[in-house]
Amino acid sequence: MGLLSFGFGATGVAIGHSQNLLNAIEVAQNNFNSWNRHDADAIVAAFAEGGTYNNPNFDQPLTGQAIGDFAKSVWTAFPDMSLELISVGDTGGGLVAIQWVLHGTQTGPLQRRLATMSFCRII
């Protein structure tokens, strides 16, 4: 299964919002849904202060507004981007594993890569 496979990670994702306590799977699913809504503010808000987003294409983890800016750059490159949730599981200790597929057509540049105008599927 897969045209391209790589890992992403996040640390310091906020578990509690307002008076509602969310479990790790709910937090992960909410963040996943924020990506599908193209809601950079919600993605950033899901991270606790000092939380990081790790992407194999970056030398250093992203924090704060840099996480939202990255999300916006993905949507600029793939305006029709959507994530398909394949599976989600609690691995213990507040960690969650998610298997997902990104669908989208690259019509804009992303990280110094020119637009391909091609549909892609990233697994």
Protein backbone atom coordinates (compact mmCIF):
# COMPACT_ATOMS: atom_id res chain seq x y z
CA MET A 1 0.00 0.00 0.00
CA GLY A 2 1.60 3.24 -0.95
CA LEU A 3 3.17 5.47 -3.47
CA LEU A 4 5.12 7.36 -0.84
CA SER A 5 5.44 6.71 2.85
CA PHE A 6 6.96 8.87 5.57
CA GLY A 7 6.36 9.77 9.18
CA PHE A 8 5.08 12.86 10.92
CA GLY A 9 4.98 13.51 14.61
CA ALA A 10 3.63 16.00 17.08
CA THR A 11 4.55 16.61 20.70
CA GLY A 12 2.83 18.74 23.29
CA VAL A 13 -0.60 18.59 21.73
CA ALA A 14 -3.08 20.13 24.14
CA ILE A 15 -5.33 17.55 25.77
CA GLY A 16 -7.71 19.89 27.60
CA HIS A 17 -9.81 22.61 25.99
CA SER A 18 -12.11 24.75 28.12
CA GLN A 19 -13.68 22.51 30.74
CA ASN A 20 -13.80 19.45 28.49
CA LEU A 21 -11.07 16.87 28.87
CA LEU A 22 -10.34 15.07 25.62
CA ASN A 23 -8.60 11.74 25.29
CA ALA A 24 -5.61 11.37 22.98
CA ILE A 25 -7.64 9.85 20.13
CA GLU A 26 -10.18 12.70 20.24
CA VAL A 27 -7.37 15.27 20.15
CA ALA A 28 -5.77 13.52 17.17
CA GLN A 29 -9.09 13.25 15.32
CA ASN A 30 -9.89 16.93 15.97
CA ASN A 31 -6.50 17.92 14.58
CA PHE A 32 -7.03 15.62 11.58
CA ASN A 33 -10.42 17.27 10.96
CA SER A 34 -8.80 20.73 11.17
CA TRP A 35 -6.48 19.75 8.31
CA ASN A 36 -9.52 18.71 6.24
CA ARG A 37 -11.28 22.02 7.01
CA HIS A 38 -8.10 23.89 6.01
CA ASP A 39 -8.21 25.59 9.42
CA ALA A 40 -4.66 26.65 10.30
CA ASP A 41 -5.75 28.47 13.46
CA ALA A 42 -7.37 25.32 14.85
CA ILE A 43 -4.27 23.28 14.03
CA VAL A 44 -2.02 25.74 15.90
CA ALA A 45 -4.48 25.95 18.80
CA ALA A 46 -4.32 22.17 19.26
CA PHE A 47 -0.68 22.46 20.36
CA ALA A 48 0.30 23.35 23.90
CA GLU A 49 2.92 26.09 24.31
CA GLY A 50 6.23 24.61 23.16
CA GLY A 51 4.51 21.74 21.32
CA THR A 52 6.19 20.69 18.08
CA TYR A 53 5.24 19.35 14.66
CA ASN A 54 7.87 17.13 13.05
CA ASN A 55 8.12 16.61 9.32
CA PRO A 56 10.93 14.69 7.62
CA ASN A 57 11.29 17.55 5.11
CA PHE A 58 12.45 19.99 7.84
CA ASP A 59 15.71 19.96 9.76
CA GLN A 60 14.00 21.22 12.93
CA PRO A 61 10.54 20.69 14.43
CA LEU A 62 7.99 23.44 13.80
CA THR A 63 6.39 25.32 16.69
CA GLY A 64 3.64 27.90 17.14
CA GLN A 65 2.60 29.88 14.08
CA ALA A 66 5.19 28.06 11.93
CA ILE A 67 2.92 25.01 12.16
CA GLY A 68 -0.02 27.01 10.77
CA ASP A 69 2.18 28.58 8.09
CA PHE A 70 3.28 25.12 6.98
CA ALA A 71 -0.35 23.96 6.78
CA LYS A 72 -1.21 27.01 4.65
CA SER A 73 1.71 26.23 2.33
CA VAL A 74 0.36 22.70 1.86
CA TRP A 75 -3.11 24.07 0.98
CA THR A 76 -1.56 26.59 -1.41
CA ALA A 77 0.21 23.75 -3.20
CA PHE A 78 -2.78 21.38 -2.95
CA PRO A 79 -5.94 23.53 -2.79
CA ASP A 80 -8.14 20.43 -3.05
CA MET A 81 -6.18 18.56 -0.38
CA SER A 82 -8.08 16.14 1.80
CA LEU A 83 -6.98 13.51 4.27
CA GLU A 84 -8.62 10.11 4.40
CA LEU A 85 -8.47 8.43 7.79
CA ILE A 86 -7.60 4.74 7.45
CA SER A 87 -7.10 3.83 11.11
CA VAL A 88 -6.40 5.40 14.49
CA GLY A 89 -5.26 3.75 17.68
CA ASP A 90 -4.19 4.69 21.18
CA THR A 91 -0.65 3.37 21.68
CA GLY A 92 -0.59 4.29 25.37
CA GLY A 93 1.05 7.08 27.30
CA GLY A 94 -0.98 9.76 25.51
CA LEU A 95 0.36 8.71 22.10
CA VAL A 96 -1.76 7.95 19.05
CA ALA A 97 -0.89 6.26 15.78
CA ILE A 98 -2.83 7.36 12.70
CA GLN A 99 -2.75 5.82 9.25
CA TRP A 100 -3.96 8.28 6.63
CA VAL A 101 -3.87 9.05 2.93
CA LEU A 102 -3.50 12.56 1.51
CA HIS A 103 -5.35 13.22 -1.75
CA GLY A 104 -4.81 16.35 -3.81
CA THR A 105 -3.67 18.01 -7.01
CA GLN A 106 -0.47 20.02 -6.78
CA THR A 107 -1.28 23.30 -8.53
CA GLY A 108 1.20 25.45 -6.59
CA PRO A 109 4.78 25.23 -5.30
CA LEU A 110 5.65 23.46 -2.08
CA GLN A 111 9.01 23.75 -0.32
CA ARG A 112 10.91 24.91 -3.41
CA ARG A 113 9.20 22.30 -5.60
CA LEU A 114 7.32 23.69 -8.58
CA ALA A 115 3.71 22.79 -9.21
CA THR A 116 3.30 19.52 -11.07
CA MET A 117 -0.39 19.99 -11.92
CA SER A 118 -0.67 16.30 -11.09
CA PHE A 119 -3.01 14.50 -8.74
CA CYS A 120 -1.16 12.70 -6.00
CA ARG A 121 -1.91 10.28 -3.27
CA ILE A 122 0.48 10.21 -0.30
CA ILE A 123 0.15 7.22 1.96
